[in-house]
Amino acid sequence: MYTGKRAITLGLAAIIMASPMAVIGEEVEIAEEIMVSMDNEEVKGEYISFSGTIKELIEDEGKMSIWVEGMDQELIFHIGEHVLVTNMDEKLEDKKSELKEDMEIIAFYGKNTPMTMSIPGQLTPEVVIIKDNDGLTAKVDEFDEELVSSDNTLKLNLKEDGEKYKNKKLLVIYGISTKSIPAQTVPEIIMELGDVEEEVEEPQIEEELEEVTVLDKMKINDKEVKMNMYRNSQNLLMLPVRDLTQSLGYELTWNGKEKPMEITKGAQWTKITLGKNSYSFAKMAEFKLESAPILKDSTTYVPVSFIEEVLRVENFE
């Protein structure tokens, strides 16, 4: 789940306003030069935003997706449990149940988020904002030591609590901003994203539970995959990570028992650590599954939900 802190700053007196009329022309020239440079070098931030109107709500076996129509593109966003859906109200409450057709939204997702090659493309965003205040806009990005976003388009001016938001991934909702580059603003709302509380867990290296059932194959994406799986005494199906990921075209890097195991496929990357019940997909906040990765007979196992929640494969049995 998302955990974070928000700060509500009243008043906009601290905003650095635009330069006098005499230098507006110079600012425009500078802006044009920067935009040309960005186009040539393909400079991008860590997050991409997509604004549009929900044209259809799609529900399939208890899972919800939204078909969003933008100005020149349409995308389908899968609204999973770990997607933050909220509006521009200072409470930042969960609003998944309030999504409906003809609603305007802004979706944010990491630049390396996997997207299907279908038309329209399909992906899972990290944050969806319901646009219910025409005077405000939203941004999700990583902000540096100077509180400047990774794409250099927004700088936060904070009189208080500025230190705790440096070098953090933030959801920022703001109104008035300057016309400088980067634009500067005093945000209305700030929420820190992606913080995962560190928990002390008992090391779960060698499983001691008695096995109940041993299996040797399963079907993934209509392809039969052979691997040594088993159900433990709690009836939890455990799968060998190496056989599973390699059958799906992933590369697995083992860094030792005490270090994370890296799983990559093109731009998609995730990691798991023995004994630590903390999983992730793309750059979304980390979450738990039914079990931490365990080591049994020199083989690392993960729960079967790893296929759907981390590898994002839905067709398996």
Protein backbone atom coordinates (compact mmCIF):
# COMPACT_ATOMS: atom_id res chain seq x y z
CA MET A 1 0.00 0.00 0.00
CA TYR A 2 0.93 3.57 -0.38
CA THR A 3 2.21 5.28 2.71
CA GLY A 4 3.12 8.89 2.75
CA LYS A 5 2.86 12.31 4.34
CA ARG A 6 1.26 15.42 2.96
CA ALA A 7 1.67 19.05 3.75
CA ILE A 8 -0.96 21.64 2.97
CA THR A 9 0.44 25.12 2.47
CA LEU A 10 -2.07 27.96 2.72
CA GLY A 11 -1.51 31.05 0.64
CA LEU A 12 0.64 31.69 -2.40
CA ALA A 13 2.55 34.74 -1.23
CA ALA A 14 5.88 32.97 -1.44
CA ILE A 15 5.63 32.23 -5.16
CA ILE A 16 8.32 33.86 -7.23
CA MET A 17 6.28 35.67 -9.87
CA ALA A 18 7.15 36.06 -13.55
CA SER A 19 9.75 38.56 -14.73
CA PRO A 20 8.74 42.09 -15.86
CA MET A 21 7.40 42.60 -19.38
CA ALA A 22 10.77 43.84 -20.57
CA VAL A 23 12.32 40.37 -20.37
CA ILE A 24 9.37 38.26 -21.52
CA GLY A 25 10.79 38.04 -25.04
CA GLU A 26 14.11 36.82 -23.69
CA GLU A 27 12.34 34.19 -21.56
CA VAL A 28 10.48 32.92 -24.62
CA GLU A 29 13.75 32.59 -26.58
CA ILE A 30 15.36 30.69 -23.72
CA ALA A 31 12.32 28.43 -23.44
CA GLU A 32 12.41 27.67 -27.16
CA GLU A 33 16.13 26.80 -26.99
CA ILE A 34 15.52 24.45 -24.08
CA MET A 35 12.60 22.74 -25.83
CA VAL A 36 14.69 22.22 -28.97
CA SER A 37 17.45 20.73 -26.83
CA MET A 38 14.96 18.41 -25.14
CA ASP A 39 13.61 17.26 -28.52
CA ASN A 40 17.06 16.60 -29.92
CA GLU A 41 18.39 14.74 -26.90
CA GLU A 42 15.07 13.09 -26.00
CA VAL A 43 15.38 14.32 -22.42
CA LYS A 44 12.58 12.90 -20.32
CA GLY A 45 11.68 12.72 -16.66
CA GLU A 46 11.12 9.61 -14.61
CA TYR A 47 7.33 9.78 -14.98
CA ILE A 48 4.89 10.16 -17.84
CA SER A 49 1.44 11.71 -17.47
CA PHE A 50 -1.60 10.98 -19.61
CA SER A 51 -4.71 13.18 -19.45
CA GLY A 52 -8.04 12.16 -20.87
CA THR A 53 -11.66 11.16 -20.36
CA ILE A 54 -12.85 7.74 -19.26
CA LYS A 55 -14.86 6.33 -22.18
CA GLU A 56 -15.48 2.91 -20.65
CA LEU A 57 -15.16 1.04 -17.37
CA ILE A 58 -14.07 -2.56 -17.88
CA GLU A 59 -14.65 -5.18 -15.19
CA ASP A 60 -13.42 -8.73 -15.58
CA GLU A 61 -13.48 -11.31 -12.79
CA GLY A 62 -13.42 -8.66 -10.10
CA LYS A 63 -10.64 -6.63 -11.74
CA MET A 64 -11.24 -3.13 -13.04
CA SER A 65 -9.68 -1.23 -15.93
CA ILE A 66 -10.49 2.14 -17.46
CA TRP A 67 -10.40 2.95 -21.17
CA VAL A 68 -9.18 6.54 -21.40
CA GLU A 69 -9.41 8.75 -24.48
CA GLY A 70 -6.81 11.51 -24.74
CA MET A 71 -6.35 14.19 -27.37
CA ASP A 72 -4.54 11.97 -29.88
CA GLN A 73 -4.24 8.59 -28.17
CA GLU A 74 -6.25 6.07 -26.20
CA LEU A 75 -4.93 3.82 -23.42
CA ILE A 76 -6.36 1.18 -21.11
CA PHE A 77 -5.19 1.47 -17.50
CA HIS A 78 -5.49 -1.52 -15.18
CA ILE A 79 -6.55 -0.35 -11.72
CA GLY A 80 -4.98 -2.90 -9.39
CA GLU A 81 -4.96 -2.90 -5.62
CA HIS A 82 -1.69 -0.97 -5.45
CA VAL A 83 -2.73 1.84 -7.80
CA LEU A 84 -3.40 5.09 -5.96
CA VAL A 85 -6.65 6.65 -7.18
CA THR A 86 -7.60 9.95 -5.59
CA ASN A 87 -8.83 13.45 -6.41
CA MET A 88 -7.59 16.97 -5.74
CA ASP A 89 -9.07 17.19 -2.27
CA GLU A 90 -6.66 17.64 0.62
CA LYS A 91 -7.78 14.38 2.26
CA LEU A 92 -6.36 12.29 -0.62
CA GLU A 93 -8.77 9.44 0.12
CA ASP A 94 -9.01 6.32 -2.02
CA LYS A 95 -11.45 6.96 -4.87
CA LYS A 96 -11.34 3.74 -6.90
CA SER A 97 -15.06 3.18 -6.37
CA GLU A 98 -15.88 6.65 -7.73
CA LEU A 99 -14.36 6.16 -11.19
CA LYS A 100 -17.03 6.45 -13.86
CA GLU A 101 -17.48 7.10 -17.57
CA ASP A 102 -17.00 10.69 -18.87
CA MET A 103 -14.80 11.52 -15.87
CA GLU A 104 -11.59 13.45 -16.60
CA ILE A 105 -8.44 11.97 -15.10
CA ILE A 106 -4.65 12.27 -15.15
CA ALA A 107 -2.72 8.99 -15.00
CA PHE A 108 0.96 8.82 -14.03
CA TYR A 109 3.30 5.92 -14.75
CA GLY A 110 7.05 5.34 -14.73
CA LYS A 111 8.87 5.77 -18.03
CA ASN A 112 9.94 2.10 -17.94
CA THR A 113 6.45 0.75 -17.25
CA PRO A 114 5.71 -2.19 -19.61
CA MET A 115 2.92 -1.52 -22.12
CA THR A 116 1.22 -4.05 -24.39
CA MET A 117 1.58 -3.73 -28.15
CA SER A 118 -2.19 -3.93 -28.57
CA ILE A 119 -4.42 -1.10 -29.77
CA PRO A 120 -5.12 0.63 -27.49
CA GLY A 121 -2.03 -0.03 -25.38
CA GLN A 122 -2.57 -1.43 -21.91
CA LEU A 123 -0.55 -0.78 -18.76
CA THR A 124 -0.78 -0.35 -15.00
CA PRO A 125 -0.30 3.24 -13.75
CA GLU A 126 1.07 4.19 -10.37
CA VAL A 127 -1.29 7.10 -9.66
CA VAL A 128 -4.63 8.22 -11.13
CA ILE A 129 -5.92 11.68 -10.24
CA ILE A 130 -9.58 12.61 -10.76
CA LYS A 131 -9.64 16.15 -12.19
CA ASP A 132 -12.35 17.77 -10.08
CA ASN A 133 -10.83 21.24 -9.70
CA ASP A 134 -10.10 23.31 -12.81
CA GLY A 135 -7.86 25.63 -10.82
CA LEU A 136 -5.39 22.91 -9.86
CA THR A 137 -3.11 20.48 -11.62
CA ALA A 138 -1.13 17.46 -10.47
CA LYS A 139 2.34 16.03 -10.96
CA VAL A 140 4.07 12.82 -9.92
CA ASP A 141 7.84 12.81 -10.16
CA GLU A 142 11.12 12.45 -8.33
CA PHE A 143 12.32 15.74 -6.86
CA ASP A 144 16.00 16.45 -6.20
CA GLU A 145 17.97 18.30 -3.52
CA GLU A 146 16.68 21.61 -4.86
CA LEU A 147 13.09 20.29 -5.02
CA VAL A 148 13.19 20.33 -8.84
CA SER A 149 11.39 17.58 -10.74
CA SER A 150 13.39 15.07 -12.78
CA ASP A 151 12.14 16.58 -16.05
CA ASN A 152 13.14 20.10 -14.90
CA THR A 153 9.63 21.49 -15.39
CA LEU A 154 8.62 22.22 -11.78
CA LYS A 155 10.35 23.58 -8.67
CA LEU A 156 8.66 23.54 -5.28
CA ASN A 157 8.97 26.58 -3.03
CA LEU A 158 8.45 25.51 0.56
CA LYS A 159 9.05 27.66 3.60
CA GLU A 160 8.49 24.77 5.99
CA ASP A 161 9.25 21.06 5.84
CA GLY A 162 11.24 21.47 2.63
CA GLU A 163 14.06 19.24 3.86
CA LYS A 164 11.92 16.15 4.28
CA TYR A 165 10.74 16.27 0.67
CA LYS A 166 14.19 16.49 -0.92
CA ASN A 167 15.27 13.55 -3.09
CA LYS A 168 11.84 11.95 -2.80
CA LYS A 169 9.12 10.71 -5.12
CA LEU A 170 6.14 13.00 -4.64
CA LEU A 171 2.56 13.58 -5.68
CA VAL A 172 2.16 17.35 -5.92
CA ILE A 173 -1.11 19.21 -6.44
CA TYR A 174 -0.70 22.89 -7.14
CA GLY A 175 -2.38 25.95 -8.63
CA ILE A 176 -0.56 29.15 -9.61
CA SER A 177 2.97 28.78 -10.97
CA THR A 178 5.50 31.09 -12.58
CA LYS A 179 6.34 31.05 -16.29
CA SER A 180 10.00 30.46 -15.63
CA ILE A 181 11.90 27.28 -16.49
CA PRO A 182 11.42 25.36 -14.34
CA ALA A 183 8.06 26.75 -13.29
CA GLN A 184 7.94 27.51 -9.58
CA THR A 185 5.02 27.01 -7.26
CA VAL A 186 3.92 26.75 -3.67
CA PRO A 187 1.99 23.46 -3.70
CA GLU A 188 -1.45 23.06 -2.20
CA ILE A 189 -0.85 19.41 -1.32
CA ILE A 190 2.22 17.17 -1.16
CA MET A 191 2.16 13.41 -0.67
CA GLU A 192 5.28 11.30 -0.45
CA LEU A 193 4.95 8.10 -2.50
CA GLY A 194 6.58 4.72 -2.40
CA ASP A 195 7.78 4.60 1.19
CA VAL A 196 7.83 1.06 2.51
CA GLU A 197 8.09 0.50 6.23
CA GLU A 198 11.00 -1.72 7.07
CA GLU A 199 9.82 -4.67 9.10
CA VAL A 200 11.92 -7.06 11.10
CA GLU A 201 11.11 -10.56 9.90
CA GLU A 202 12.37 -13.94 10.90
CA PRO A 203 14.78 -15.24 8.24
CA GLN A 204 12.91 -17.63 6.00
CA ILE A 205 15.74 -19.43 4.25
CA GLU A 206 15.10 -23.15 4.56
CA GLU A 207 11.44 -24.11 4.78
CA GLU A 208 10.72 -26.71 7.43
CA LEU A 209 7.04 -27.31 6.67
CA GLU A 210 6.12 -30.79 5.53
CA GLU A 211 5.26 -31.04 1.85
CA VAL A 212 1.80 -32.21 0.94
CA THR A 213 1.80 -32.35 -2.87
CA VAL A 214 4.58 -32.28 -5.45
CA LEU A 215 3.80 -31.02 -8.97
CA ASP A 216 5.97 -30.93 -12.05
CA LYS A 217 4.22 -28.72 -14.61
CA MET A 218 1.71 -25.94 -15.15
CA LYS A 219 0.28 -24.06 -18.12
CA ILE A 220 1.33 -20.40 -18.59
CA ASN A 221 0.04 -18.40 -21.56
CA ASP A 222 -1.25 -21.69 -23.05
CA LYS A 223 2.27 -23.14 -22.92
CA GLU A 224 3.10 -26.14 -20.75
CA VAL A 225 6.04 -25.33 -18.47
CA LYS A 226 7.85 -28.06 -16.55
CA MET A 227 9.25 -27.18 -13.14
CA ASN A 228 9.47 -28.69 -9.67
CA MET A 229 6.66 -27.03 -7.73
CA TYR A 230 5.08 -28.09 -4.47
CA ARG A 231 2.23 -27.32 -2.11
CA ASN A 232 3.29 -27.03 1.50
CA SER A 233 1.27 -28.07 4.55
CA GLN A 234 -0.57 -24.74 4.36
CA ASN A 235 -1.68 -25.64 0.82
CA LEU A 236 0.35 -22.76 -0.62
CA LEU A 237 1.70 -23.48 -4.09
CA MET A 238 5.38 -22.53 -4.33
CA LEU A 239 7.21 -22.11 -7.66
CA PRO A 240 10.95 -22.19 -8.45
CA VAL A 241 11.96 -18.68 -9.51
CA ARG A 242 14.65 -19.66 -12.01
CA ASP A 243 12.52 -22.14 -13.97
CA LEU A 244 9.52 -19.81 -13.90
CA THR A 245 11.25 -16.64 -15.05
CA GLN A 246 13.43 -18.28 -17.67
CA SER A 247 10.39 -19.97 -19.22
CA LEU A 248 8.94 -16.48 -19.71
CA GLY A 249 12.09 -14.98 -21.21
CA TYR A 250 13.43 -13.21 -18.12
CA GLU A 251 17.09 -13.05 -17.11
CA LEU A 252 17.84 -13.96 -13.52
CA THR A 253 20.89 -12.64 -11.64
CA TRP A 254 21.79 -14.34 -8.35
CA ASN A 255 23.78 -12.11 -5.99
CA GLY A 256 24.00 -14.42 -2.98
CA LYS A 257 21.72 -15.24 -0.06
CA GLU A 258 22.07 -11.88 1.63
CA LYS A 259 21.54 -9.76 -1.49
CA PRO A 260 18.58 -9.16 -3.82
CA MET A 261 18.05 -11.44 -6.81
CA GLU A 262 17.47 -9.33 -9.96
CA ILE A 263 14.90 -10.29 -12.58
CA THR A 264 14.98 -8.44 -15.92
CA LYS A 265 13.33 -8.56 -19.32
CA GLY A 266 13.98 -5.58 -21.57
CA ALA A 267 12.96 -2.46 -19.62
CA GLN A 268 11.08 -4.50 -17.01
CA TRP A 269 13.05 -4.99 -13.79
CA THR A 270 12.29 -6.21 -10.31
CA LYS A 271 14.14 -7.80 -7.41
CA ILE A 272 13.46 -10.25 -4.60
CA THR A 273 15.37 -11.00 -1.41
CA LEU A 274 15.36 -14.27 0.52
CA GLY A 275 13.35 -13.98 3.72
CA LYS A 276 11.95 -10.54 2.86
CA ASN A 277 8.25 -10.38 2.02
CA SER A 278 8.56 -7.34 -0.23
CA TYR A 279 7.78 -7.45 -3.94
CA SER A 280 7.36 -4.78 -6.60
CA PHE A 281 6.19 -4.21 -10.14
CA ALA A 282 7.87 -1.48 -12.25
CA LYS A 283 8.32 1.54 -9.95
CA MET A 284 5.20 1.05 -7.94
CA ALA A 285 5.24 0.94 -4.16
CA GLU A 286 6.37 -2.42 -2.77
CA PHE A 287 3.80 -4.91 -1.50
CA LYS A 288 3.54 -8.29 0.21
CA LEU A 289 2.48 -11.71 -1.07
CA GLU A 290 1.50 -14.84 0.86
CA SER A 291 5.14 -15.69 1.53
CA ALA A 292 8.61 -14.25 1.31
CA PRO A 293 10.99 -15.95 -1.15
CA ILE A 294 12.47 -19.07 0.47
CA LEU A 295 15.43 -21.31 -0.24
CA LYS A 296 14.74 -25.04 -0.29
CA ASP A 297 17.16 -27.68 -1.53
CA SER A 298 19.34 -24.91 -3.02
CA THR A 299 16.38 -23.59 -5.04
CA THR A 300 14.57 -20.28 -4.49
CA TYR A 301 10.78 -20.50 -4.39
CA VAL A 302 8.06 -17.83 -4.49
CA PRO A 303 4.27 -18.11 -4.04
CA VAL A 304 2.14 -18.68 -7.15
CA SER A 305 0.68 -15.16 -6.89
CA PHE A 306 4.14 -13.93 -7.99
CA ILE A 307 3.12 -14.78 -11.59
CA GLU A 308 0.20 -12.37 -11.61
CA GLU A 309 1.26 -9.64 -9.18
CA VAL A 310 4.93 -9.26 -10.21
CA LEU A 311 5.30 -10.77 -13.69
CA ARG A 312 1.79 -9.57 -14.64
CA VAL A 313 0.80 -12.80 -16.37
CA GLU A 314 -2.91 -13.52 -16.08
CA ASN A 315 -3.29 -16.70 -18.13
CA PHE A 316 -1.96 -19.59 -16.05
CA GLU A 317 -3.28 -22.73 -14.39
